[in-house]
Amino acid sequence: MDLTDEFEAARPRLLSLAHRILGSFEDADDAVQTAWLRAHAADRTQIANPAAWFTTVTARLCLDQLRSRERRGELPLLADAIPGGQLAADEEYLRREDVSRALLVLLSRLTAAQRVAYVLHDLFRVPFGEVAVVLDTTPTNAKKLASRARRRLEGVDPASADEAAQAARVSGHWRIVDAFLAAARGGRIDTLVALMAPDVVRAADPALLPEGGAVEVVGNRAVAEETRFFTDRIHAGIPMLVNGAPAVVVAPGGHALAALTFDFEGGTIARIEIARLQPTDRVEARGGTGS
């Protein structure tokens, strides 16, 4: 079989790999197309294992992109800084391929080498020997990079009795957050009202609101009713830990935009803050990365 024909058979897998490394369908598609051009120009007789060669070439192209971003000091773009067409393409690909929104948010906070090592080995089962070739390092170092990435993605488990007690309280809060998100997605206004204190306050960064939107809304019925106007963002919300507390991260197309954080009182939500995520915010999975 011609090398380019073999490449076409491998293209969906390569696109999936590149998307998880780069976090953008457009960038991933460009990387895969560049890899195809290299396959088209290559000598089939010099390539013993085409599948491994395709993976290596594609991953190296992605790594170059990530390292270029790092050299320029670029931080991951928030969703509202990404052109609408690109964001829509990212959202479509994420939903069609059932990609974890939470995982993409977390991956964006890794170093380039950690991200490539984790995606290649943990998600695509590439042996560390081959990962080391992509990263131009030793298999031992590639393994360490993947391990560091894994620890960052999984978060830190409570180790002391005090932390365990705090985790128990937080787990109760998770039930409220989960119920809030489910009710908002389903348009169940009465359920939302019941989950919030009568005098609940919703405060938001004005930049995250439509023109003329109220920076502060008071009252459980009023807060519940306004969720009807944020359907897209609600469906792009994922339960995650932000600075150690239960929150909902809004991530259209897998690109973080904002976080809803909560104050609780007597088993209900007393206050909701909606703010843009900052690079200094500590974002972690609630327990695993499959949300």
C-alpha atoms as a PDB file:
ATOM      1  CA  MET A   1       0.000   0.000   0.000  1.00  0.00           C
ATOM      2  CA  ASP A   2       1.194   3.513  -0.816  1.00  0.00           C
ATOM      3  CA  LEU A   3       2.366   5.471   2.244  1.00  0.00           C
ATOM      4  CA  THR A   4      -0.176   8.240   1.697  1.00  0.00           C
ATOM      5  CA  ASP A   5      -2.979   5.645   1.498  1.00  0.00           C
ATOM      6  CA  GLU A   6      -1.810   4.217   4.808  1.00  0.00           C
ATOM      7  CA  PHE A   7      -1.722   7.730   6.205  1.00  0.00           C
ATOM      8  CA  GLU A   8      -5.353   8.341   5.209  1.00  0.00           C
ATOM      9  CA  ALA A   9      -6.365   5.208   7.114  1.00  0.00           C
ATOM     10  CA  ALA A  10      -4.524   6.552  10.168  1.00  0.00           C
ATOM     11  CA  ARG A  11      -5.761  10.152   9.795  1.00  0.00           C
ATOM     12  CA  PRO A  12      -8.700   9.996  12.290  1.00  0.00           C
ATOM     13  CA  ARG A  13      -6.420   8.652  15.030  1.00  0.00           C
ATOM     14  CA  LEU A  14      -3.737  11.226  14.259  1.00  0.00           C
ATOM     15  CA  LEU A  15      -6.300  14.045  14.305  1.00  0.00           C
ATOM     16  CA  SER A  16      -7.585  12.817  17.658  1.00  0.00           C
ATOM     17  CA  LEU A  17      -4.045  12.721  19.049  1.00  0.00           C
ATOM     18  CA  ALA A  18      -3.156  16.173  17.699  1.00  0.00           C
ATOM     19  CA  HIS A  19      -6.391  17.682  19.023  1.00  0.00           C
ATOM     20  CA  ARG A  20      -5.668  16.503  22.553  1.00  0.00           C
ATOM     21  CA  ILE A  21      -2.121  17.819  22.401  1.00  0.00           C
ATOM     22  CA  LEU A  22      -2.981  21.204  20.881  1.00  0.00           C
ATOM     23  CA  GLY A  23      -6.520  21.716  22.188  1.00  0.00           C
ATOM     24  CA  SER A  24      -7.694  23.166  18.869  1.00  0.00           C
ATOM     25  CA  PHE A  25      -9.317  21.367  15.949  1.00  0.00           C
ATOM     26  CA  GLU A  26      -7.928  23.905  13.473  1.00  0.00           C
ATOM     27  CA  ASP A  27      -4.349  23.606  14.784  1.00  0.00           C
ATOM     28  CA  ALA A  28      -4.649  19.823  14.931  1.00  0.00           C
ATOM     29  CA  ASP A  29      -5.919  19.643  11.362  1.00  0.00           C
ATOM     30  CA  ASP A  30      -2.996  21.810  10.191  1.00  0.00           C
ATOM     31  CA  ALA A  31      -0.492  19.575  11.992  1.00  0.00           C
ATOM     32  CA  VAL A  32      -1.979  16.411  10.497  1.00  0.00           C
ATOM     33  CA  GLN A  33      -2.008  17.930   7.013  1.00  0.00           C
ATOM     34  CA  THR A  34       1.659  18.869   7.368  1.00  0.00           C
ATOM     35  CA  ALA A  35       2.386  15.308   8.474  1.00  0.00           C
ATOM     36  CA  TRP A  36       0.548  14.074   5.357  1.00  0.00           C
ATOM     37  CA  LEU A  37       2.788  16.210   3.147  1.00  0.00           C
ATOM     38  CA  ARG A  38       5.834  14.662   4.774  1.00  0.00           C
ATOM     39  CA  ALA A  39       4.391  11.188   4.253  1.00  0.00           C
ATOM     40  CA  HIS A  40       3.724  12.029   0.608  1.00  0.00           C
ATOM     41  CA  ALA A  41       7.391  12.983   0.141  1.00  0.00           C
ATOM     42  CA  ALA A  42       8.837  10.067   2.142  1.00  0.00           C
ATOM     43  CA  ASP A  43      10.314   6.828   0.795  1.00  0.00           C
ATOM     44  CA  ARG A  44       8.049   3.943   1.851  1.00  0.00           C
ATOM     45  CA  THR A  45      10.947   1.486   1.722  1.00  0.00           C
ATOM     46  CA  GLN A  46      12.781   3.459   4.428  1.00  0.00           C
ATOM     47  CA  ILE A  47       9.904   3.257   6.928  1.00  0.00           C
ATOM     48  CA  ALA A  48       9.601  -0.067   8.744  1.00  0.00           C
ATOM     49  CA  ASN A  49       6.566   0.861  10.864  1.00  0.00           C
ATOM     50  CA  PRO A  50       4.350   3.453   9.146  1.00  0.00           C
ATOM     51  CA  ALA A  51       1.876   3.769  12.051  1.00  0.00           C
ATOM     52  CA  ALA A  52       4.654   4.600  14.516  1.00  0.00           C
ATOM     53  CA  TRP A  53       6.270   6.957  11.985  1.00  0.00           C
ATOM     54  CA  PHE A  54       2.996   8.835  11.447  1.00  0.00           C
ATOM     55  CA  THR A  55       2.525   9.202  15.204  1.00  0.00           C
ATOM     56  CA  THR A  56       6.073  10.448  15.732  1.00  0.00           C
ATOM     57  CA  VAL A  57       5.913  13.002  12.922  1.00  0.00           C
ATOM     58  CA  THR A  58       2.510  14.325  14.001  1.00  0.00           C
ATOM     59  CA  ALA A  59       3.456  14.504  17.682  1.00  0.00           C
ATOM     60  CA  ARG A  60       6.706  16.337  16.898  1.00  0.00           C
ATOM     61  CA  LEU A  61       4.820  18.917  14.842  1.00  0.00           C
ATOM     62  CA  CYS A  62       2.425  19.431  17.754  1.00  0.00           C
ATOM     63  CA  LEU A  63       5.305  19.681  20.228  1.00  0.00           C
ATOM     64  CA  ASP A  64       6.941  22.337  18.060  1.00  0.00           C
ATOM     65  CA  GLN A  65       3.706  24.352  18.158  1.00  0.00           C
ATOM     66  CA  LEU A  66       3.443  24.088  21.945  1.00  0.00           C
ATOM     67  CA  ARG A  67       7.087  25.030  22.469  1.00  0.00           C
ATOM     68  CA  SER A  68       6.691  27.984  20.134  1.00  0.00           C
ATOM     69  CA  ARG A  69       3.794  29.194  22.266  1.00  0.00           C
ATOM     70  CA  GLU A  70       5.903  28.780  25.404  1.00  0.00           C
ATOM     71  CA  ARG A  71       8.832  30.729  23.901  1.00  0.00           C
ATOM     72  CA  ARG A  72       6.464  33.579  23.056  1.00  0.00           C
ATOM     73  CA  GLY A  73       5.147  33.501  26.609  1.00  0.00           C
ATOM     74  CA  GLU A  74       1.615  32.784  25.409  1.00  0.00           C
ATOM     75  CA  LEU A  75      -0.958  31.689  27.960  1.00  0.00           C
ATOM     76  CA  PRO A  76      -3.890  29.467  26.949  1.00  0.00           C
ATOM     77  CA  LEU A  77      -6.506  31.666  25.286  1.00  0.00           C
ATOM     78  CA  LEU A  78      -9.803  32.102  27.062  1.00  0.00           C
ATOM     79  CA  ALA A  79     -12.802  31.110  24.972  1.00  0.00           C
ATOM     80  CA  ASP A  80     -13.918  34.686  24.314  1.00  0.00           C
ATOM     81  CA  ALA A  81     -10.531  35.490  22.724  1.00  0.00           C
ATOM     82  CA  ILE A  82     -10.912  32.730  20.118  1.00  0.00           C
ATOM     83  CA  PRO A  83     -12.632  33.556  16.786  1.00  0.00           C
ATOM     84  CA  GLY A  84     -16.237  32.370  16.702  1.00  0.00           C
ATOM     85  CA  GLY A  85     -15.776  30.030  13.769  1.00  0.00           C
ATOM     86  CA  GLN A  86     -12.813  28.292  15.376  1.00  0.00           C
ATOM     87  CA  LEU A  87     -14.615  27.991  18.703  1.00  0.00           C
ATOM     88  CA  ALA A  88     -17.666  26.476  16.973  1.00  0.00           C
ATOM     89  CA  ALA A  89     -15.441  23.957  15.169  1.00  0.00           C
ATOM     90  CA  ASP A  90     -13.774  23.019  18.465  1.00  0.00           C
ATOM     91  CA  GLU A  91     -17.151  22.568  20.155  1.00  0.00           C
ATOM     92  CA  GLU A  92     -18.486  20.461  17.277  1.00  0.00           C
ATOM     93  CA  TYR A  93     -15.416  18.200  17.298  1.00  0.00           C
ATOM     94  CA  LEU A  94     -15.476  17.879  21.086  1.00  0.00           C
ATOM     95  CA  ARG A  95     -19.115  16.753  21.086  1.00  0.00           C
ATOM     96  CA  ARG A  96     -18.859  14.530  18.011  1.00  0.00           C
ATOM     97  CA  GLU A  97     -15.792  12.692  19.290  1.00  0.00           C
ATOM     98  CA  ASP A  98     -16.979  12.702  22.921  1.00  0.00           C
ATOM     99  CA  VAL A  99     -13.785  14.364  24.124  1.00  0.00           C
ATOM    100  CA  SER A 100     -13.582  15.175  27.830  1.00  0.00           C
ATOM    101  CA  ARG A 101     -14.071  18.914  28.293  1.00  0.00           C
ATOM    102  CA  ALA A 102     -12.460  18.761  31.734  1.00  0.00           C
ATOM    103  CA  LEU A 103      -9.427  16.932  30.388  1.00  0.00           C
ATOM    104  CA  LEU A 104      -8.804  19.608  27.743  1.00  0.00           C
ATOM    105  CA  VAL A 105      -8.963  22.344  30.376  1.00  0.00           C
ATOM    106  CA  LEU A 106      -6.468  20.495  32.554  1.00  0.00           C
ATOM    107  CA  LEU A 107      -4.134  19.605  29.693  1.00  0.00           C
ATOM    108  CA  SER A 108      -3.878  23.285  28.759  1.00  0.00           C
ATOM    109  CA  ARG A 109      -2.169  23.924  32.109  1.00  0.00           C
ATOM    110  CA  LEU A 110       0.652  21.411  31.589  1.00  0.00           C
ATOM    111  CA  THR A 111       4.060  22.152  30.101  1.00  0.00           C
ATOM    112  CA  ALA A 112       4.528  21.200  26.455  1.00  0.00           C
ATOM    113  CA  ALA A 113       6.659  18.151  27.291  1.00  0.00           C
ATOM    114  CA  GLN A 114       4.275  16.969  30.024  1.00  0.00           C
ATOM    115  CA  ARG A 115       1.282  17.320  27.740  1.00  0.00           C
ATOM    116  CA  VAL A 116       2.864  15.378  24.885  1.00  0.00           C
ATOM    117  CA  ALA A 117       4.169  12.632  27.185  1.00  0.00           C
ATOM    118  CA  TYR A 118       0.783  12.203  28.870  1.00  0.00           C
ATOM    119  CA  VAL A 119      -1.293  12.230  25.674  1.00  0.00           C
ATOM    120  CA  LEU A 120       0.998   9.831  23.846  1.00  0.00           C
ATOM    121  CA  HIS A 121       1.444   7.314  26.637  1.00  0.00           C
ATOM    122  CA  ASP A 122      -1.638   7.533  28.852  1.00  0.00           C
ATOM    123  CA  LEU A 123      -4.248   8.269  26.194  1.00  0.00           C
ATOM    124  CA  PHE A 124      -2.802   6.574  23.106  1.00  0.00           C
ATOM    125  CA  ARG A 125      -0.687   3.828  24.699  1.00  0.00           C
ATOM    126  CA  VAL A 126       2.501   4.795  22.874  1.00  0.00           C
ATOM    127  CA  PRO A 127       5.494   3.056  24.544  1.00  0.00           C
ATOM    128  CA  PHE A 128       7.865   5.318  26.462  1.00  0.00           C
ATOM    129  CA  GLY A 129      10.667   4.433  24.079  1.00  0.00           C
ATOM    130  CA  GLU A 130       8.717   6.041  21.240  1.00  0.00           C
ATOM    131  CA  VAL A 131       7.600   8.947  23.450  1.00  0.00           C
ATOM    132  CA  ALA A 132      11.278   9.592  24.214  1.00  0.00           C
ATOM    133  CA  VAL A 133      12.044   9.808  20.495  1.00  0.00           C
ATOM    134  CA  VAL A 134       9.363  12.489  20.051  1.00  0.00           C
ATOM    135  CA  LEU A 135      10.645  14.475  23.033  1.00  0.00           C
ATOM    136  CA  ASP A 136      14.329  13.890  22.221  1.00  0.00           C
ATOM    137  CA  THR A 137      14.969  12.546  25.711  1.00  0.00           C
ATOM    138  CA  THR A 138      15.437   9.232  27.496  1.00  0.00           C
ATOM    139  CA  PRO A 139      12.608   6.748  28.167  1.00  0.00           C
ATOM    140  CA  THR A 140      13.181   7.277  31.904  1.00  0.00           C
ATOM    141  CA  ASN A 141      12.711  11.029  31.585  1.00  0.00           C
ATOM    142  CA  ALA A 142       9.669  10.564  29.335  1.00  0.00           C
ATOM    143  CA  LYS A 143       8.152   8.367  32.039  1.00  0.00           C
ATOM    144  CA  LYS A 144       8.832  11.052  34.667  1.00  0.00           C
ATOM    145  CA  LEU A 145       7.177  13.714  32.512  1.00  0.00           C
ATOM    146  CA  ALA A 146       4.051  11.591  32.085  1.00  0.00           C
ATOM    147  CA  SER A 147       3.991  10.863  35.819  1.00  0.00           C
ATOM    148  CA  ARG A 148       4.215  14.555  36.706  1.00  0.00           C
ATOM    149  CA  ALA A 149       1.415  15.308  34.269  1.00  0.00           C
ATOM    150  CA  ARG A 150      -0.710  12.538  35.746  1.00  0.00           C
ATOM    151  CA  ARG A 151      -0.267  13.885  39.279  1.00  0.00           C
ATOM    152  CA  ARG A 152      -1.266  17.372  38.170  1.00  0.00           C
ATOM    153  CA  LEU A 153      -4.331  16.062  36.361  1.00  0.00           C
ATOM    154  CA  GLU A 154      -5.485  13.836  39.191  1.00  0.00           C
ATOM    155  CA  GLY A 155      -5.040  16.420  41.953  1.00  0.00           C
ATOM    156  CA  VAL A 156      -3.999  15.681  45.510  1.00  0.00           C
ATOM    157  CA  ASP A 157      -5.954  13.354  47.795  1.00  0.00           C
ATOM    158  CA  PRO A 158      -6.550  14.407  51.425  1.00  0.00           C
ATOM    159  CA  ALA A 159      -3.844  12.993  53.685  1.00  0.00           C
ATOM    160  CA  SER A 160      -4.751  14.165  57.182  1.00  0.00           C
ATOM    161  CA  ALA A 161      -7.835  13.782  59.345  1.00  0.00           C
ATOM    162  CA  ASP A 162      -8.597  17.507  59.011  1.00  0.00           C
ATOM    163  CA  GLU A 163      -8.353  17.274  55.246  1.00  0.00           C
ATOM    164  CA  ALA A 164     -10.555  14.178  55.253  1.00  0.00           C
ATOM    165  CA  ALA A 165     -13.182  16.012  57.288  1.00  0.00           C
ATOM    166  CA  GLN A 166     -13.008  18.937  54.880  1.00  0.00           C
ATOM    167  CA  ALA A 167     -13.379  16.530  51.952  1.00  0.00           C
ATOM    168  CA  ALA A 168     -16.530  15.118  53.566  1.00  0.00           C
ATOM    169  CA  ARG A 169     -18.028  18.592  53.792  1.00  0.00           C
ATOM    170  CA  VAL A 170     -17.025  19.312  50.228  1.00  0.00           C
ATOM    171  CA  SER A 171     -18.637  16.090  49.024  1.00  0.00           C
ATOM    172  CA  GLY A 172     -21.944  17.391  50.341  1.00  0.00           C
ATOM    173  CA  HIS A 173     -21.377  20.572  48.418  1.00  0.00           C
ATOM    174  CA  TRP A 174     -20.698  18.565  45.277  1.00  0.00           C
ATOM    175  CA  ARG A 175     -24.202  17.098  45.493  1.00  0.00           C
ATOM    176  CA  ILE A 176     -25.642  20.601  45.495  1.00  0.00           C
ATOM    177  CA  VAL A 177     -23.422  21.739  42.605  1.00  0.00           C
ATOM    178  CA  ASP A 178     -24.311  18.658  40.552  1.00  0.00           C
ATOM    179  CA  ALA A 179     -28.006  19.171  41.204  1.00  0.00           C
ATOM    180  CA  PHE A 180     -27.729  22.870  40.316  1.00  0.00           C
ATOM    181  CA  LEU A 181     -25.990  22.134  37.016  1.00  0.00           C
ATOM    182  CA  ALA A 182     -28.430  19.355  36.077  1.00  0.00           C
ATOM    183  CA  ALA A 183     -31.447  21.537  36.852  1.00  0.00           C
ATOM    184  CA  ALA A 184     -30.013  24.489  34.901  1.00  0.00           C
ATOM    185  CA  ARG A 185     -29.356  22.272  31.880  1.00  0.00           C
ATOM    186  CA  GLY A 186     -32.852  20.847  32.060  1.00  0.00           C
ATOM    187  CA  GLY A 187     -34.575  24.194  32.573  1.00  0.00           C
ATOM    188  CA  ARG A 188     -36.078  23.015  35.882  1.00  0.00           C
ATOM    189  CA  ILE A 189     -36.654  26.400  37.448  1.00  0.00           C
ATOM    190  CA  ASP A 190     -38.473  25.193  40.585  1.00  0.00           C
ATOM    191  CA  THR A 191     -35.615  22.791  41.368  1.00  0.00           C
ATOM    192  CA  LEU A 192     -33.112  25.629  41.014  1.00  0.00           C
ATOM    193  CA  VAL A 193     -35.184  27.807  43.344  1.00  0.00           C
ATOM    194  CA  ALA A 194     -35.174  25.059  45.975  1.00  0.00           C
ATOM    195  CA  LEU A 195     -31.389  24.668  45.767  1.00  0.00           C
ATOM    196  CA  MET A 196     -30.743  28.332  46.562  1.00  0.00           C
ATOM    197  CA  ALA A 197     -31.360  30.454  49.638  1.00  0.00           C
ATOM    198  CA  PRO A 198     -34.271  32.895  49.225  1.00  0.00           C
ATOM    199  CA  ASP A 199     -31.877  35.862  49.301  1.00  0.00           C
ATOM    200  CA  VAL A 200     -29.136  34.274  47.185  1.00  0.00           C
ATOM    201  CA  VAL A 201     -26.863  36.719  45.346  1.00  0.00           C
ATOM    202  CA  ARG A 202     -25.414  36.134  41.879  1.00  0.00           C
ATOM    203  CA  ALA A 203     -22.484  38.441  41.110  1.00  0.00           C
ATOM    204  CA  ALA A 204     -20.659  38.422  37.769  1.00  0.00           C
ATOM    205  CA  ASP A 205     -17.777  40.044  35.942  1.00  0.00           C
ATOM    206  CA  PRO A 206     -19.449  42.560  33.586  1.00  0.00           C
ATOM    207  CA  ALA A 207     -17.241  41.328  30.715  1.00  0.00           C
ATOM    208  CA  LEU A 208     -18.979  37.955  30.911  1.00  0.00           C
ATOM    209  CA  LEU A 209     -22.476  39.386  30.630  1.00  0.00           C
ATOM    210  CA  PRO A 210     -24.476  40.439  27.571  1.00  0.00           C
ATOM    211  CA  GLU A 211     -24.762  44.189  27.074  1.00  0.00           C
ATOM    212  CA  GLY A 212     -27.004  45.611  29.765  1.00  0.00           C
ATOM    213  CA  GLY A 213     -26.805  42.471  31.918  1.00  0.00           C
ATOM    214  CA  ALA A 214     -27.061  43.022  35.664  1.00  0.00           C
ATOM    215  CA  VAL A 215     -23.787  42.633  37.526  1.00  0.00           C
ATOM    216  CA  GLU A 216     -25.709  41.484  40.577  1.00  0.00           C
ATOM    217  CA  VAL A 217     -29.000  39.624  40.832  1.00  0.00           C
ATOM    218  CA  VAL A 218     -30.705  38.930  44.172  1.00  0.00           C
ATOM    219  CA  GLY A 219     -33.307  36.296  44.994  1.00  0.00           C
ATOM    220  CA  ASN A 220     -33.566  32.604  44.152  1.00  0.00           C
ATOM    221  CA  ARG A 221     -36.418  32.998  41.670  1.00  0.00           C
ATOM    222  CA  ALA A 222     -34.636  35.785  39.770  1.00  0.00           C
ATOM    223  CA  VAL A 223     -31.346  33.889  39.639  1.00  0.00           C
ATOM    224  CA  ALA A 224     -33.102  30.695  38.538  1.00  0.00           C
ATOM    225  CA  GLU A 225     -35.045  32.469  35.794  1.00  0.00           C
ATOM    226  CA  GLU A 226     -31.957  34.087  34.258  1.00  0.00           C
ATOM    227  CA  THR A 227     -30.338  30.691  33.610  1.00  0.00           C
ATOM    228  CA  ARG A 228     -32.672  30.456  30.587  1.00  0.00           C
ATOM    229  CA  PHE A 229     -30.513  33.084  28.852  1.00  0.00           C
ATOM    230  CA  PHE A 230     -27.226  31.210  29.286  1.00  0.00           C
ATOM    231  CA  THR A 231     -28.102  27.795  27.850  1.00  0.00           C
ATOM    232  CA  ASP A 232     -24.967  27.423  25.726  1.00  0.00           C
ATOM    233  CA  ARG A 233     -22.654  28.289  28.576  1.00  0.00           C
ATOM    234  CA  ILE A 234     -24.502  26.018  30.971  1.00  0.00           C
ATOM    235  CA  HIS A 235     -24.100  23.080  28.597  1.00  0.00           C
ATOM    236  CA  ALA A 236     -20.387  23.912  28.348  1.00  0.00           C
ATOM    237  CA  GLY A 237     -20.067  23.816  32.146  1.00  0.00           C
ATOM    238  CA  ILE A 238     -18.180  21.086  33.969  1.00  0.00           C
ATOM    239  CA  PRO A 239     -17.872  20.444  37.730  1.00  0.00           C
ATOM    240  CA  MET A 240     -14.240  21.003  38.754  1.00  0.00           C
ATOM    241  CA  LEU A 241     -12.236  22.162  41.744  1.00  0.00           C
ATOM    242  CA  VAL A 242     -11.116  25.777  41.525  1.00  0.00           C
ATOM    243  CA  ASN A 243      -8.704  26.843  44.250  1.00  0.00           C
ATOM    244  CA  GLY A 244      -9.744  23.791  46.249  1.00  0.00           C
ATOM    245  CA  ALA A 245     -13.494  24.451  46.209  1.00  0.00           C
ATOM    246  CA  PRO A 246     -16.324  22.906  44.145  1.00  0.00           C
ATOM    247  CA  ALA A 247     -17.070  25.016  41.099  1.00  0.00           C
ATOM    248  CA  VAL A 248     -18.421  24.884  37.574  1.00  0.00           C
ATOM    249  CA  VAL A 249     -15.885  25.751  34.877  1.00  0.00           C
ATOM    250  CA  VAL A 250     -17.407  27.032  31.646  1.00  0.00           C
ATOM    251  CA  ALA A 251     -15.294  25.790  28.734  1.00  0.00           C
ATOM    252  CA  PRO A 252     -16.801  26.137  25.236  1.00  0.00           C
ATOM    253  CA  GLY A 253     -14.898  23.892  22.846  1.00  0.00           C
ATOM    254  CA  GLY A 254     -12.696  22.807  25.742  1.00  0.00           C
ATOM    255  CA  HIS A 255     -11.306  26.343  26.220  1.00  0.00           C
ATOM    256  CA  ALA A 256     -11.742  27.705  29.729  1.00  0.00           C
ATOM    257  CA  LEU A 257     -13.735  30.919  29.952  1.00  0.00           C
ATOM    258  CA  ALA A 258     -15.066  31.401  33.462  1.00  0.00           C
ATOM    259  CA  ALA A 259     -15.797  29.716  36.759  1.00  0.00           C
ATOM    260  CA  LEU A 260     -18.934  29.706  38.860  1.00  0.00           C
ATOM    261  CA  THR A 261     -17.946  29.468  42.509  1.00  0.00           C
ATOM    262  CA  PHE A 262     -20.387  29.037  45.351  1.00  0.00           C
ATOM    263  CA  ASP A 263     -20.923  29.965  48.982  1.00  0.00           C
ATOM    264  CA  PHE A 264     -23.143  27.540  50.879  1.00  0.00           C
ATOM    265  CA  GLU A 265     -25.343  28.074  53.894  1.00  0.00           C
ATOM    266  CA  GLY A 266     -27.605  25.531  55.578  1.00  0.00           C
ATOM    267  CA  GLY A 267     -27.499  23.089  52.666  1.00  0.00           C
ATOM    268  CA  THR A 268     -28.357  25.704  50.045  1.00  0.00           C
ATOM    269  CA  ILE A 269     -26.428  28.051  47.770  1.00  0.00           C
ATOM    270  CA  ALA A 270     -26.112  31.497  49.364  1.00  0.00           C
ATOM    271  CA  ARG A 271     -23.946  33.210  46.739  1.00  0.00           C
ATOM    272  CA  ILE A 272     -22.728  32.550  43.189  1.00  0.00           C
ATOM    273  CA  GLU A 273     -19.693  34.344  41.765  1.00  0.00           C
ATOM    274  CA  ILE A 274     -19.051  34.230  38.011  1.00  0.00           C
ATOM    275  CA  ALA A 275     -15.520  35.322  37.132  1.00  0.00           C
ATOM    276  CA  ARG A 276     -12.970  34.824  34.390  1.00  0.00           C
ATOM    277  CA  LEU A 277     -10.454  32.105  35.161  1.00  0.00           C
ATOM    278  CA  GLN A 278      -6.995  33.454  35.874  1.00  0.00           C
ATOM    279  CA  PRO A 279      -3.640  31.748  35.145  1.00  0.00           C
ATOM    280  CA  THR A 280      -2.989  31.737  38.891  1.00  0.00           C
ATOM    281  CA  ASP A 281      -6.211  29.866  39.690  1.00  0.00           C
ATOM    282  CA  ARG A 282      -5.637  26.262  40.731  1.00  0.00           C
ATOM    283  CA  VAL A 283      -7.925  24.139  38.569  1.00  0.00           C
ATOM    284  CA  GLU A 284      -8.218  20.420  39.338  1.00  0.00           C
ATOM    285  CA  ALA A 285     -10.409  17.486  38.463  1.00  0.00           C
ATOM    286  CA  ARG A 286     -13.026  16.693  41.074  1.00  0.00           C
ATOM    287  CA  GLY A 287     -11.712  13.107  41.049  1.00  0.00           C
ATOM    288  CA  GLY A 288     -10.488  11.768  37.718  1.00  0.00           C
ATOM    289  CA  THR A 289     -10.473  13.574  34.383  1.00  0.00           C
ATOM    290  CA  GLY A 290     -13.487  12.159  32.659  1.00  0.00           C
ATOM    291  CA  SER A 291     -16.044  14.899  33.357  1.00  0.00           C
END
